[in-house]
Amino acid sequence: MTDLSAPVMGADGVIATLITPYIEHTTVGCDMATALIHLRRAAAAISADMGSASQA
């Protein structure tokens, strides 16, 4: 098992971290690199929302 993480950014810097476990199986739904891409996209979407809210 490997923990994958990505920062959630706000207007003033890091405000949270998304962490998800990645468990490699013999029948993989997606590889670790793909899982990390999805996690980073989610963190970027939340960061965009937080940056907009912080600057309102």
N, C-alpha and C. Protein backbone atom coordinates (compact mmCIF):
# COMPACT_ATOMS: atom_id res chain seq x y z
N MET A 1 0.85 -1.17 0.00
CA MET A 1 0.00 0.00 0.00
C MET A 1 0.90 1.23 0.00
N THR A 2 0.49 2.22 -0.77
CA THR A 2 1.20 3.49 -0.86
C THR A 2 0.19 4.61 -0.67
N ASP A 3 0.51 5.58 0.17
CA ASP A 3 -0.35 6.75 0.32
C ASP A 3 0.02 7.77 -0.75
N LEU A 4 -0.98 8.20 -1.52
CA LEU A 4 -0.78 9.26 -2.51
C LEU A 4 -1.36 10.54 -1.92
N SER A 5 -0.69 11.66 -2.14
CA SER A 5 -1.18 12.92 -1.59
C SER A 5 -0.99 14.06 -2.57
N ALA A 6 -1.83 15.09 -2.40
CA ALA A 6 -1.75 16.29 -3.23
C ALA A 6 -2.22 17.47 -2.39
N PRO A 7 -1.55 18.62 -2.52
CA PRO A 7 -1.95 19.79 -1.73
C PRO A 7 -3.19 20.46 -2.29
N VAL A 8 -3.98 21.04 -1.40
CA VAL A 8 -5.10 21.91 -1.78
C VAL A 8 -4.64 23.32 -1.47
N MET A 9 -4.62 24.15 -2.51
CA MET A 9 -4.09 25.50 -2.37
C MET A 9 -5.20 26.53 -2.23
N GLY A 10 -4.99 27.51 -1.39
CA GLY A 10 -5.88 28.65 -1.27
C GLY A 10 -5.13 29.91 -1.69
N ALA A 11 -5.73 31.03 -1.51
CA ALA A 11 -5.11 32.30 -1.91
C ALA A 11 -3.80 32.55 -1.15
N ASP A 12 -3.70 32.04 0.08
CA ASP A 12 -2.53 32.29 0.91
C ASP A 12 -1.58 31.10 1.00
N GLY A 13 -1.75 30.09 0.16
CA GLY A 13 -0.87 28.92 0.20
C GLY A 13 -1.64 27.65 0.47
N VAL A 14 -0.94 26.64 0.98
CA VAL A 14 -1.55 25.34 1.24
C VAL A 14 -2.55 25.45 2.38
N ILE A 15 -3.78 24.94 2.16
CA ILE A 15 -4.80 24.99 3.21
C ILE A 15 -5.26 23.60 3.63
N ALA A 16 -4.90 22.57 2.84
CA ALA A 16 -5.29 21.20 3.18
C ALA A 16 -4.48 20.24 2.30
N THR A 17 -4.64 18.97 2.58
CA THR A 17 -4.01 17.93 1.78
C THR A 17 -5.01 16.82 1.53
N LEU A 18 -5.09 16.36 0.28
CA LEU A 18 -5.89 15.18 -0.03
C LEU A 18 -4.96 13.97 0.01
N ILE A 19 -5.37 12.94 0.72
CA ILE A 19 -4.57 11.72 0.82
C ILE A 19 -5.48 10.53 0.52
N THR A 20 -4.98 9.63 -0.31
CA THR A 20 -5.73 8.42 -0.61
C THR A 20 -4.77 7.23 -0.65
N PRO A 21 -5.20 6.10 -0.13
CA PRO A 21 -4.33 4.92 -0.23
C PRO A 21 -4.41 4.32 -1.63
N TYR A 22 -3.30 3.80 -2.10
CA TYR A 22 -3.26 3.07 -3.36
C TYR A 22 -2.77 1.67 -3.04
N ILE A 23 -3.59 0.69 -3.37
CA ILE A 23 -3.23 -0.70 -3.12
C ILE A 23 -3.15 -1.41 -4.45
N GLU A 24 -1.97 -1.91 -4.78
CA GLU A 24 -1.79 -2.60 -6.05
C GLU A 24 -2.32 -4.03 -5.95
N HIS A 25 -3.16 -4.39 -6.90
CA HIS A 25 -3.75 -5.73 -6.98
C HIS A 25 -3.28 -6.39 -8.27
N THR A 26 -3.52 -7.68 -8.38
CA THR A 26 -3.17 -8.36 -9.62
C THR A 26 -4.09 -7.93 -10.76
N THR A 27 -5.32 -7.55 -10.44
CA THR A 27 -6.25 -6.99 -11.43
C THR A 27 -6.42 -5.51 -11.12
N VAL A 28 -5.63 -4.70 -11.76
CA VAL A 28 -5.57 -3.27 -11.45
C VAL A 28 -6.63 -2.52 -12.25
N GLY A 29 -7.43 -1.68 -11.55
CA GLY A 29 -8.39 -0.80 -12.22
C GLY A 29 -7.66 0.35 -12.88
N CYS A 30 -6.63 0.87 -12.22
CA CYS A 30 -5.75 1.87 -12.80
C CYS A 30 -4.41 1.77 -12.09
N ASP A 31 -3.36 2.18 -12.77
CA ASP A 31 -2.04 2.11 -12.15
C ASP A 31 -1.82 3.30 -11.22
N MET A 32 -0.73 3.28 -10.47
CA MET A 32 -0.46 4.32 -9.49
C MET A 32 -0.34 5.70 -10.14
N ALA A 33 0.31 5.78 -11.28
CA ALA A 33 0.47 7.07 -11.96
C ALA A 33 -0.88 7.67 -12.34
N THR A 34 -1.79 6.83 -12.83
CA THR A 34 -3.13 7.31 -13.19
C THR A 34 -3.91 7.74 -11.96
N ALA A 35 -3.79 6.97 -10.87
CA ALA A 35 -4.47 7.33 -9.63
C ALA A 35 -3.97 8.69 -9.13
N LEU A 36 -2.67 8.92 -9.24
CA LEU A 36 -2.10 10.20 -8.80
C LEU A 36 -2.58 11.35 -9.69
N ILE A 37 -2.73 11.11 -10.97
CA ILE A 37 -3.28 12.14 -11.88
C ILE A 37 -4.68 12.52 -11.44
N HIS A 38 -5.52 11.54 -11.14
CA HIS A 38 -6.89 11.82 -10.69
C HIS A 38 -6.90 12.59 -9.38
N LEU A 39 -6.03 12.20 -8.45
CA LEU A 39 -5.95 12.88 -7.16
C LEU A 39 -5.51 14.33 -7.33
N ARG A 40 -4.51 14.56 -8.17
CA ARG A 40 -4.02 15.94 -8.40
C ARG A 40 -5.08 16.79 -9.09
N ARG A 41 -5.86 16.20 -10.00
CA ARG A 41 -6.94 16.95 -10.65
C ARG A 41 -8.00 17.35 -9.63
N ALA A 42 -8.33 16.44 -8.72
CA ALA A 42 -9.31 16.76 -7.68
C ALA A 42 -8.78 17.88 -6.78
N ALA A 43 -7.52 17.79 -6.40
CA ALA A 43 -6.92 18.84 -5.56
C ALA A 43 -6.90 20.18 -6.29
N ALA A 44 -6.60 20.15 -7.59
CA ALA A 44 -6.58 21.40 -8.37
C ALA A 44 -7.97 22.01 -8.46
N ALA A 45 -8.99 21.17 -8.63
CA ALA A 45 -10.37 21.69 -8.70
C ALA A 45 -10.78 22.32 -7.37
N ILE A 46 -10.44 21.66 -6.27
CA ILE A 46 -10.76 22.22 -4.95
C ILE A 46 -9.96 23.50 -4.74
N SER A 47 -8.69 23.50 -5.13
CA SER A 47 -7.86 24.69 -4.98
C SER A 47 -8.43 25.87 -5.74
N ALA A 48 -8.92 25.63 -6.96
CA ALA A 48 -9.52 26.70 -7.75
C ALA A 48 -10.74 27.28 -7.04
N ASP A 49 -11.57 26.40 -6.47
CA ASP A 49 -12.74 26.86 -5.73
C ASP A 49 -12.33 27.64 -4.47
N MET A 50 -11.32 27.17 -3.78
CA MET A 50 -10.89 27.83 -2.54
C MET A 50 -10.25 29.18 -2.86
N GLY A 51 -9.50 29.27 -3.93
CA GLY A 51 -8.87 30.53 -4.33
C GLY A 51 -9.91 31.55 -4.68
N SER A 52 -10.98 31.13 -5.38
CA SER A 52 -12.07 32.04 -5.74
C SER A 52 -12.79 32.52 -4.50
N ALA A 53 -13.05 31.61 -3.55
CA ALA A 53 -13.76 31.98 -2.32
C ALA A 53 -12.91 32.90 -1.47
N SER A 54 -11.58 32.65 -1.44
CA SER A 54 -10.70 33.47 -0.61
C SER A 54 -10.57 34.90 -1.13
N GLN A 55 -10.73 35.08 -2.45
CA GLN A 55 -10.57 36.40 -3.04
C GLN A 55 -11.87 37.14 -3.18
N ALA A 56 -12.98 36.54 -2.77
CA ALA A 56 -14.31 37.19 -2.91
C ALA A 56 -14.46 38.35 -1.96
